[in-house]
PDB file of N, CA and C in Angstrom:
ATOM      1  N   MET A   1       0.844  -1.187   0.000  1.00  0.00           N
ATOM      2  CA  MET A   1       0.000   0.000   0.000  1.00  0.00           C
ATOM      3  C   MET A   1       0.886   1.246   0.000  1.00  0.00           C
ATOM      4  N   ALA A   2       0.392   2.280  -0.595  1.00  0.00           N
ATOM      5  CA  ALA A   2       1.134   3.536  -0.671  1.00  0.00           C
ATOM      6  C   ALA A   2       1.003   4.312   0.630  1.00  0.00           C
ATOM      7  N   GLN A   3       1.965   5.171   0.869  1.00  0.00           N
ATOM      8  CA  GLN A   3       1.914   6.060   2.023  1.00  0.00           C
ATOM      9  C   GLN A   3       1.927   7.490   1.524  1.00  0.00           C
ATOM     10  N   LEU A   4       1.307   8.359   2.309  1.00  0.00           N
ATOM     11  CA  LEU A   4       1.219   9.765   1.944  1.00  0.00           C
ATOM     12  C   LEU A   4       1.541  10.582   3.181  1.00  0.00           C
ATOM     13  N   ILE A   5       2.428  11.525   3.053  1.00  0.00           N
ATOM     14  CA  ILE A   5       2.777  12.412   4.165  1.00  0.00           C
ATOM     15  C   ILE A   5       2.238  13.798   3.833  1.00  0.00           C
ATOM     16  N   VAL A   6       1.509  14.371   4.767  1.00  0.00           N
ATOM     17  CA  VAL A   6       0.955  15.708   4.585  1.00  0.00           C
ATOM     18  C   VAL A   6       1.707  16.642   5.527  1.00  0.00           C
ATOM     19  N   ARG A   7       2.419  17.584   4.975  1.00  0.00           N
ATOM     20  CA  ARG A   7       3.194  18.529   5.788  1.00  0.00           C
ATOM     21  C   ARG A   7       2.420  19.844   5.925  1.00  0.00           C
ATOM     22  N   ASN A   8       2.751  20.576   6.963  1.00  0.00           N
ATOM     23  CA  ASN A   8       2.219  21.919   7.207  1.00  0.00           C
ATOM     24  C   ASN A   8       0.695  21.940   7.332  1.00  0.00           C
ATOM     25  N   LEU A   9       0.140  20.927   7.960  1.00  0.00           N
ATOM     26  CA  LEU A   9      -1.294  20.878   8.210  1.00  0.00           C
ATOM     27  C   LEU A   9      -1.592  21.709   9.450  1.00  0.00           C
ATOM     28  N   GLU A  10      -2.556  22.594   9.366  1.00  0.00           N
ATOM     29  CA  GLU A  10      -2.893  23.453  10.496  1.00  0.00           C
ATOM     30  C   GLU A  10      -3.373  22.615  11.680  1.00  0.00           C
ATOM     31  N   GLU A  11      -3.033  23.060  12.882  1.00  0.00           N
ATOM     32  CA  GLU A  11      -3.433  22.342  14.099  1.00  0.00           C
ATOM     33  C   GLU A  11      -4.949  22.237  14.207  1.00  0.00           C
ATOM     34  N   GLY A  12      -5.662  23.291  13.789  1.00  0.00           N
ATOM     35  CA  GLY A  12      -7.117  23.265  13.851  1.00  0.00           C
ATOM     36  C   GLY A  12      -7.711  22.179  12.961  1.00  0.00           C
ATOM     37  N   VAL A  13      -7.127  21.999  11.782  1.00  0.00           N
ATOM     38  CA  VAL A  13      -7.594  20.955  10.865  1.00  0.00           C
ATOM     39  C   VAL A  13      -7.332  19.585  11.468  1.00  0.00           C
ATOM     40  N   LYS A  14      -6.150  19.426  12.044  1.00  0.00           N
ATOM     41  CA  LYS A  14      -5.811  18.152  12.681  1.00  0.00           C
ATOM     42  C   LYS A  14      -6.774  17.851  13.829  1.00  0.00           C
ATOM     43  N   ALA A  15      -7.086  18.847  14.628  1.00  0.00           N
ATOM     44  CA  ALA A  15      -7.997  18.651  15.761  1.00  0.00           C
ATOM     45  C   ALA A  15      -9.396  18.273  15.276  1.00  0.00           C
ATOM     46  N   ARG A  16      -9.863  18.929  14.218  1.00  0.00           N
ATOM     47  CA  ARG A  16     -11.192  18.598  13.680  1.00  0.00           C
ATOM     48  C   ARG A  16     -11.220  17.196  13.087  1.00  0.00           C
ATOM     49  N   LEU A  17     -10.135  16.803  12.424  1.00  0.00           N
ATOM     50  CA  LEU A  17     -10.050  15.439  11.905  1.00  0.00           C
ATOM     51  C   LEU A  17     -10.097  14.419  13.040  1.00  0.00           C
ATOM     52  N   GLN A  18      -9.403  14.725  14.126  1.00  0.00           N
ATOM     53  CA  GLN A  18      -9.387  13.813  15.272  1.00  0.00           C
ATOM     54  C   GLN A  18     -10.786  13.680  15.876  1.00  0.00           C
ATOM     55  N   ARG A  19     -11.499  14.798  16.015  1.00  0.00           N
ATOM     56  CA  ARG A  19     -12.867  14.744  16.557  1.00  0.00           C
ATOM     57  C   ARG A  19     -13.790  13.963  15.625  1.00  0.00           C
ATOM     58  N   ARG A  20     -13.646  14.204  14.340  1.00  0.00           N
ATOM     59  CA  ARG A  20     -14.470  13.485  13.361  1.00  0.00           C
ATOM     60  C   ARG A  20     -14.190  11.987  13.417  1.00  0.00           C
ATOM     61  N   ALA A  21     -12.926  11.622  13.511  1.00  0.00           N
ATOM     62  CA  ALA A  21     -12.550  10.209  13.607  1.00  0.00           C
ATOM     63  C   ALA A  21     -13.140   9.583  14.864  1.00  0.00           C
ATOM     64  N   SER A  22     -13.107  10.298  15.964  1.00  0.00           N
ATOM     65  CA  SER A  22     -13.677   9.787  17.218  1.00  0.00           C
ATOM     66  C   SER A  22     -15.175   9.561  17.080  1.00  0.00           C
ATOM     67  N   ARG A  23     -15.870  10.493  16.441  1.00  0.00           N
ATOM     68  CA  ARG A  23     -17.318  10.337  16.240  1.00  0.00           C
ATOM     69  C   ARG A  23     -17.641   9.099  15.419  1.00  0.00           C
ATOM     70  N   HIS A  24     -16.784   8.781  14.453  1.00  0.00           N
ATOM     71  CA  HIS A  24     -17.018   7.630  13.579  1.00  0.00           C
ATOM     72  C   HIS A  24     -16.384   6.350  14.112  1.00  0.00           C
ATOM     73  N   GLY A  25     -15.709   6.432  15.233  1.00  0.00           N
ATOM     74  CA  GLY A  25     -15.083   5.244  15.812  1.00  0.00           C
ATOM     75  C   GLY A  25     -13.854   4.774  15.054  1.00  0.00           C
ATOM     76  N   HIS A  26     -13.166   5.691  14.385  1.00  0.00           N
ATOM     77  CA  HIS A  26     -11.972   5.369  13.601  1.00  0.00           C
ATOM     78  C   HIS A  26     -10.748   6.028  14.216  1.00  0.00           C
ATOM     79  N   SER A  27      -9.594   5.544  13.791  1.00  0.00           N
ATOM     80  CA  SER A  27      -8.371   6.293  14.060  1.00  0.00           C
ATOM     81  C   SER A  27      -8.369   7.487  13.108  1.00  0.00           C
ATOM     82  N   MET A  28      -7.556   8.477  13.412  1.00  0.00           N
ATOM     83  CA  MET A  28      -7.488   9.637  12.529  1.00  0.00           C
ATOM     84  C   MET A  28      -6.974   9.211  11.150  1.00  0.00           C
ATOM     85  N   GLU A  29      -6.050   8.287  11.123  1.00  0.00           N
ATOM     86  CA  GLU A  29      -5.507   7.807   9.857  1.00  0.00           C
ATOM     87  C   GLU A  29      -6.592   7.146   8.995  1.00  0.00           C
ATOM     88  N   GLU A  30      -7.425   6.305   9.617  1.00  0.00           N
ATOM     89  CA  GLU A  30      -8.516   5.660   8.880  1.00  0.00           C
ATOM     90  C   GLU A  30      -9.537   6.689   8.403  1.00  0.00           C
ATOM     91  N   GLU A  31      -9.807   7.688   9.229  1.00  0.00           N
ATOM     92  CA  GLU A  31     -10.753   8.739   8.835  1.00  0.00           C
ATOM     93  C   GLU A  31     -10.248   9.483   7.605  1.00  0.00           C
ATOM     94  N   VAL A  32      -8.962   9.806   7.578  1.00  0.00           N
ATOM     95  CA  VAL A  32      -8.379  10.501   6.426  1.00  0.00           C
ATOM     96  C   VAL A  32      -8.452   9.616   5.184  1.00  0.00           C
ATOM     97  N   ARG A  33      -8.201   8.309   5.333  1.00  0.00           N
ATOM     98  CA  ARG A  33      -8.327   7.398   4.186  1.00  0.00           C
ATOM     99  C   ARG A  33      -9.752   7.401   3.646  1.00  0.00           C
ATOM    100  N   ASP A  34     -10.741   7.354   4.550  1.00  0.00           N
ATOM    101  CA  ASP A  34     -12.144   7.389   4.119  1.00  0.00           C
ATOM    102  C   ASP A  34     -12.469   8.682   3.379  1.00  0.00           C
ATOM    103  N   ILE A  35     -12.002   9.799   3.915  1.00  0.00           N
ATOM    104  CA  ILE A  35     -12.254  11.097   3.274  1.00  0.00           C
ATOM    105  C   ILE A  35     -11.650  11.121   1.869  1.00  0.00           C
ATOM    106  N   LEU A  36     -10.421  10.645   1.741  1.00  0.00           N
ATOM    107  CA  LEU A  36      -9.760  10.634   0.431  1.00  0.00           C
ATOM    108  C   LEU A  36     -10.461   9.686  -0.541  1.00  0.00           C
ATOM    109  N   ARG A  37     -10.854   8.495  -0.079  1.00  0.00           N
ATOM    110  CA  ARG A  37     -11.582   7.550  -0.939  1.00  0.00           C
ATOM    111  C   ARG A  37     -12.870   8.171  -1.460  1.00  0.00           C
ATOM    112  N   ASN A  38     -13.632   8.779  -0.550  1.00  0.00           N
ATOM    113  CA  ASN A  38     -14.910   9.384  -0.936  1.00  0.00           C
ATOM    114  C   ASN A  38     -14.720  10.553  -1.895  1.00  0.00           C
ATOM    115  N   ALA A  39     -13.675  11.336  -1.688  1.00  0.00           N
ATOM    116  CA  ALA A  39     -13.416  12.481  -2.566  1.00  0.00           C
ATOM    117  C   ALA A  39     -13.090  12.013  -3.980  1.00  0.00           C
ATOM    118  N   VAL A  40     -12.274  10.990  -4.106  1.00  0.00           N
ATOM    119  CA  VAL A  40     -11.902  10.472  -5.424  1.00  0.00           C
ATOM    120  C   VAL A  40     -13.093   9.796  -6.079  1.00  0.00           C
ATOM    121  N   ARG A  41     -13.867   9.040  -5.303  1.00  0.00           N
ATOM    122  CA  ARG A  41     -15.051   8.360  -5.841  1.00  0.00           C
ATOM    123  C   ARG A  41     -16.059   9.381  -6.352  1.00  0.00           C
ATOM    124  N   ALA A  42     -16.276  10.450  -5.601  1.00  0.00           N
ATOM    125  CA  ALA A  42     -17.234  11.482  -6.012  1.00  0.00           C
ATOM    126  C   ALA A  42     -16.781  12.151  -7.304  1.00  0.00           C
ATOM    127  N   GLU A  43     -15.480  12.374  -7.425  1.00  0.00           N
ATOM    128  CA  GLU A  43     -14.953  13.002  -8.636  1.00  0.00           C
ATOM    129  C   GLU A  43     -15.121  12.095  -9.847  1.00  0.00           C
ATOM    130  N   GLU A  44     -14.865  10.808  -9.686  1.00  0.00           N
ATOM    131  CA  GLU A  44     -15.010   9.865 -10.792  1.00  0.00           C
ATOM    132  C   GLU A  44     -16.469   9.718 -11.197  1.00  0.00           C
ATOM    133  N   GLY A  45     -17.370   9.686 -10.223  1.00  0.00           N
ATOM    134  CA  GLY A  45     -18.780   9.471 -10.501  1.00  0.00           C
ATOM    135  C   GLY A  45     -19.480  10.684 -11.064  1.00  0.00           C
ATOM    136  N   SER A  46     -18.865  11.845 -10.975  1.00  0.00           N
ATOM    137  CA  SER A  46     -19.552  13.061 -11.398  1.00  0.00           C
ATOM    138  C   SER A  46     -19.805  13.106 -12.902  1.00  0.00           C
ATOM    139  N   THR A  47     -19.080  12.308 -13.685  1.00  0.00           N
ATOM    140  CA  THR A  47     -19.302  12.314 -15.128  1.00  0.00           C
ATOM    141  C   THR A  47     -20.467  11.411 -15.530  1.00  0.00           C
ATOM    142  N   ALA A  48     -20.855  10.494 -14.647  1.00  0.00           N
ATOM    143  CA  ALA A  48     -21.980   9.605 -14.961  1.00  0.00           C
ATOM    144  C   ALA A  48     -23.286  10.374 -14.847  1.00  0.00           C
ATOM    145  N   ARG A  49     -24.259   9.959 -15.598  1.00  0.00           N
ATOM    146  CA  ARG A  49     -25.575  10.602 -15.547  1.00  0.00           C
ATOM    147  C   ARG A  49     -26.269  10.225 -14.253  1.00  0.00           C
ATOM    148  N   LEU A  50     -27.223  11.035 -13.855  1.00  0.00           N
ATOM    149  CA  LEU A  50     -27.905  10.848 -12.578  1.00  0.00           C
ATOM    150  C   LEU A  50     -28.531   9.465 -12.456  1.00  0.00           C
ATOM    151  N   GLY A  51     -29.228   9.016 -13.469  1.00  0.00           N
ATOM    152  CA  GLY A  51     -29.868   7.701 -13.407  1.00  0.00           C
ATOM    153  C   GLY A  51     -28.864   6.585 -13.179  1.00  0.00           C
ATOM    154  N   SER A  52     -27.732   6.670 -13.843  1.00  0.00           N
ATOM    155  CA  SER A  52     -26.690   5.654 -13.670  1.00  0.00           C
ATOM    156  C   SER A  52     -26.119   5.686 -12.267  1.00  0.00           C
ATOM    157  N   ARG A  53     -25.920   6.883 -11.735  1.00  0.00           N
ATOM    158  CA  ARG A  53     -25.394   6.988 -10.373  1.00  0.00           C
ATOM    159  C   ARG A  53     -26.384   6.439  -9.359  1.00  0.00           C
ATOM    160  N   LEU A  54     -27.680   6.733  -9.541  1.00  0.00           N
ATOM    161  CA  LEU A  54     -28.697   6.207  -8.628  1.00  0.00           C
ATOM    162  C   LEU A  54     -28.766   4.685  -8.713  1.00  0.00           C
ATOM    163  N   ARG A  55     -28.735   4.156  -9.926  1.00  0.00           N
ATOM    164  CA  ARG A  55     -28.755   2.704 -10.107  1.00  0.00           C
ATOM    165  C   ARG A  55     -27.577   2.057  -9.382  1.00  0.00           C
ATOM    166  N   ASP A  56     -26.393   2.619  -9.547  1.00  0.00           N
ATOM    167  CA  ASP A  56     -25.212   2.059  -8.903  1.00  0.00           C
ATOM    168  C   ASP A  56     -25.299   2.142  -7.386  1.00  0.00           C
ATOM    169  N   ARG A  57     -25.810   3.250  -6.887  1.00  0.00           N
ATOM    170  CA  ARG A  57     -25.882   3.437  -5.442  1.00  0.00           C
ATOM    171  C   ARG A  57     -26.842   2.451  -4.788  1.00  0.00           C
ATOM    172  N   PHE A  58     -27.972   2.171  -5.431  1.00  0.00           N
ATOM    173  CA  PHE A  58     -28.999   1.333  -4.816  1.00  0.00           C
ATOM    174  C   PHE A  58     -29.071  -0.067  -5.424  1.00  0.00           C
ATOM    175  N   ALA A  59     -28.045  -0.481  -6.141  1.00  0.00           N
ATOM    176  CA  ALA A  59     -28.067  -1.775  -6.832  1.00  0.00           C
ATOM    177  C   ALA A  59     -28.241  -2.949  -5.877  1.00  0.00           C
ATOM    178  N   GLY A  60     -27.713  -2.866  -4.681  1.00  0.00           N
ATOM    179  CA  GLY A  60     -27.736  -4.008  -3.771  1.00  0.00           C
ATOM    180  C   GLY A  60     -28.982  -4.169  -2.934  1.00  0.00           C
ATOM    181  N   ILE A  61     -29.914  -3.214  -2.976  1.00  0.00           N
ATOM    182  CA  ILE A  61     -31.048  -3.303  -2.057  1.00  0.00           C
ATOM    183  C   ILE A  61     -32.208  -4.111  -2.606  1.00  0.00           C
ATOM    184  N   GLY A  62     -32.249  -4.348  -3.883  1.00  0.00           N
ATOM    185  CA  GLY A  62     -33.335  -5.125  -4.477  1.00  0.00           C
ATOM    186  C   GLY A  62     -34.593  -4.294  -4.631  1.00  0.00           C
ATOM    187  N   LEU A  63     -35.457  -4.720  -5.517  1.00  0.00           N
ATOM    188  CA  LEU A  63     -36.711  -4.022  -5.763  1.00  0.00           C
ATOM    189  C   LEU A  63     -37.788  -5.073  -5.927  1.00  0.00           C
ATOM    190  N   ASP A  64     -38.719  -5.111  -4.979  1.00  0.00           N
ATOM    191  CA  ASP A  64     -39.764  -6.128  -4.992  1.00  0.00           C
ATOM    192  C   ASP A  64     -41.007  -5.681  -5.745  1.00  0.00           C
ATOM    193  N   GLU A  65     -41.249  -4.396  -5.811  1.00  0.00           N
ATOM    194  CA  GLU A  65     -42.462  -3.894  -6.452  1.00  0.00           C
ATOM    195  C   GLU A  65     -42.253  -3.721  -7.952  1.00  0.00           C
ATOM    196  N   HIS A  66     -43.320  -3.894  -8.700  1.00  0.00           N
ATOM    197  CA  HIS A  66     -43.268  -3.657 -10.144  1.00  0.00           C
ATOM    198  C   HIS A  66     -43.597  -2.187 -10.389  1.00  0.00           C
ATOM    199  N   ILE A  67     -42.633  -1.439 -10.831  1.00  0.00           N
ATOM    200  CA  ILE A  67     -42.834  -0.032 -11.151  1.00  0.00           C
ATOM    201  C   ILE A  67     -42.731   0.084 -12.666  1.00  0.00           C
ATOM    202  N   ARG A  68     -43.868   0.325 -13.291  1.00  0.00           N
ATOM    203  CA  ARG A  68     -43.930   0.299 -14.756  1.00  0.00           C
ATOM    204  C   ARG A  68     -42.922   1.250 -15.400  1.00  0.00           C
ATOM    205  N   GLU A  69     -42.767   2.428 -14.819  1.00  0.00           N
ATOM    206  CA  GLU A  69     -41.874   3.420 -15.409  1.00  0.00           C
ATOM    207  C   GLU A  69     -40.435   2.916 -15.448  1.00  0.00           C
ATOM    208  N   LEU A  70     -40.056   2.077 -14.475  1.00  0.00           N
ATOM    209  CA  LEU A  70     -38.696   1.547 -14.467  1.00  0.00           C
ATOM    210  C   LEU A  70     -38.501   0.476 -15.534  1.00  0.00           C
ATOM    211  N   ARG A  71     -39.564  -0.051 -16.045  1.00  0.00           N
ATOM    212  CA  ARG A  71     -39.493  -1.092 -17.072  1.00  0.00           C
ATOM    213  C   ARG A  71     -39.681  -0.515 -18.473  1.00  0.00           C
ATOM    214  N   GLY A  72     -39.656   0.808 -18.590  1.00  0.00           N
ATOM    215  CA  GLY A  72     -39.739   1.448 -19.892  1.00  0.00           C
ATOM    216  C   GLY A  72     -41.149   1.750 -20.363  1.00  0.00           C
ATOM    217  N   GLU A  73     -42.135   1.559 -19.502  1.00  0.00           N
ATOM    218  CA  GLU A  73     -43.508   1.860 -19.899  1.00  0.00           C
ATOM    219  C   GLU A  73     -43.762   3.358 -19.785  1.00  0.00           C
ATOM    220  N   GLU A  74     -44.825   3.797 -20.408  1.00  0.00           N
ATOM    221  CA  GLU A  74     -45.162   5.217 -20.442  1.00  0.00           C
ATOM    222  C   GLU A  74     -45.429   5.757 -19.037  1.00  0.00           C
ATOM    223  N   VAL A  75     -44.945   6.944 -18.789  1.00  0.00           N
ATOM    224  CA  VAL A  75     -45.167   7.608 -17.508  1.00  0.00           C
ATOM    225  C   VAL A  75     -46.490   8.353 -17.580  1.00  0.00           C
ATOM    226  N   ARG A  76     -47.346   8.124 -16.597  1.00  0.00           N
ATOM    227  CA  ARG A  76     -48.631   8.818 -16.549  1.00  0.00           C
ATOM    228  C   ARG A  76     -48.582   9.878 -15.458  1.00  0.00           C
ATOM    229  N   PRO A  77     -49.152  11.053 -15.704  1.00  0.00           N
ATOM    230  CA  PRO A  77     -49.121  12.110 -14.685  1.00  0.00           C
ATOM    231  C   PRO A  77     -49.983  11.738 -13.481  1.00  0.00           C
ATOM    232  N   SER A  78     -49.629  12.285 -12.339  1.00  0.00           N
ATOM    233  CA  SER A  78     -50.406  12.070 -11.119  1.00  0.00           C
ATOM    234  C   SER A  78     -51.728  12.809 -11.216  1.00  0.00           C
ATOM    235  N   ILE A  79     -52.745  12.258 -10.585  1.00  0.00           N
ATOM    236  CA  ILE A  79     -54.056  12.901 -10.536  1.00  0.00           C
ATOM    237  C   ILE A  79     -54.318  13.262  -9.084  1.00  0.00           C
ATOM    238  N   PHE A  80     -54.480  14.537  -8.828  1.00  0.00           N
ATOM    239  CA  PHE A  80     -54.708  15.005  -7.467  1.00  0.00           C
ATOM    240  C   PHE A  80     -56.195  15.216  -7.247  1.00  0.00           C
ATOM    241  N   LYS A  81     -56.682  14.785  -6.125  1.00  0.00           N
ATOM    242  CA  LYS A  81     -58.114  14.841  -5.831  1.00  0.00           C
ATOM    243  C   LYS A  81     -58.415  15.944  -4.822  1.00  0.00           C
ATOM    244  N   LYS A  82     -57.862  17.111  -5.032  1.00  0.00           N
ATOM    245  CA  LYS A  82     -58.129  18.240  -4.137  1.00  0.00           C
ATOM    246  C   LYS A  82     -58.519  19.443  -4.970  1.00  0.00           C
ATOM    247  N   ARG A  83     -59.265  20.340  -4.356  1.00  0.00           N
ATOM    248  CA  ARG A  83     -59.711  21.540  -5.054  1.00  0.00           C
ATOM    249  C   ARG A  83     -59.336  22.749  -4.197  1.00  0.00           C
ATOM    250  N   TRP A  84     -58.782  23.762  -4.817  1.00  0.00           N
ATOM    251  CA  TRP A  84     -58.402  24.993  -4.130  1.00  0.00           C
ATOM    252  C   TRP A  84     -59.546  25.985  -4.235  1.00  0.00           C
ATOM    253  N   SER A  85     -59.918  26.564  -3.097  1.00  0.00           N
ATOM    254  CA  SER A  85     -60.970  27.575  -3.084  1.00  0.00           C
ATOM    255  C   SER A  85     -60.318  28.924  -2.818  1.00  0.00           C
ATOM    256  N   SER A  86     -60.370  29.811  -3.808  1.00  0.00           N
ATOM    257  CA  SER A  86     -59.741  31.119  -3.635  1.00  0.00           C
ATOM    258  C   SER A  86     -60.517  31.999  -2.672  1.00  0.00           C
ATOM    259  N   SER A  87     -61.812  31.784  -2.542  1.00  0.00           N
ATOM    260  CA  SER A  87     -62.605  32.634  -1.648  1.00  0.00           C
ATOM    261  C   SER A  87     -62.313  32.326  -0.177  1.00  0.00           C
ATOM    262  N   THR A  88     -62.137  31.053   0.154  1.00  0.00           N
ATOM    263  CA  THR A  88     -61.853  30.703   1.558  1.00  0.00           C
ATOM    264  C   THR A  88     -60.374  30.425   1.786  1.00  0.00           C
ATOM    265  N   ARG A  89     -59.609  30.414   0.718  1.00  0.00           N
ATOM    266  CA  ARG A  89     -58.174  30.125   0.771  1.00  0.00           C
ATOM    267  C   ARG A  89     -57.891  28.799   1.479  1.00  0.00           C
ATOM    268  N   THR A  90     -58.657  27.805   1.114  1.00  0.00           N
ATOM    269  CA  THR A  90     -58.476  26.475   1.686  1.00  0.00           C
ATOM    270  C   THR A  90     -58.420  25.441   0.576  1.00  0.00           C
ATOM    271  N   CYS A  91     -57.973  24.294   0.939  1.00  0.00           N
ATOM    272  CA  CYS A  91     -57.895  23.185   0.011  1.00  0.00           C
ATOM    273  C   CYS A  91     -58.788  22.078   0.551  1.00  0.00           C
ATOM    274  N   SER A  92     -59.701  21.576  -0.262  1.00  0.00           N
ATOM    275  CA  SER A  92     -60.604  20.524   0.204  1.00  0.00           C
ATOM    276  C   SER A  92     -60.522  19.326  -0.726  1.00  0.00           C
ATOM    277  N   ARG A  93     -60.816  18.163  -0.175  1.00  0.00           N
ATOM    278  CA  ARG A  93     -60.809  16.931  -0.973  1.00  0.00           C
ATOM    279  C   ARG A  93     -62.075  16.839  -1.809  1.00  0.00           C
ATOM    280  N   LEU A  94     -61.922  16.333  -3.011  1.00  0.00           N
ATOM    281  CA  LEU A  94     -63.077  16.066  -3.867  1.00  0.00           C
ATOM    282  C   LEU A  94     -63.525  14.635  -3.632  1.00  0.00           C
ATOM    283  N   SER A  95     -64.806  14.396  -3.688  1.00  0.00           N
ATOM    284  CA  SER A  95     -65.319  13.031  -3.485  1.00  0.00           C
ATOM    285  C   SER A  95     -65.459  12.317  -4.793  1.00  0.00           C
TER     286      SER A  95
END
């Protein structure tokens, strides 16, 4: 594995890294590795389209419901069953 030495790091930054590592239950070194991994991953993923990034992020959770739009079927607009009354400034349900 490679090693990286960071010189001239401000004491305040070091202290904040230490607190962050403590909150996550890591050593400061492990916390810095996580931060660097996430920064590089975010940079690489930024060129992918949103749908591809969402698919990759949630690929492992499975999908039990049949969602027609995800299968390439036509998207239908939502139908809202409420009516706005400008005179009373209220919203009521339609039966």
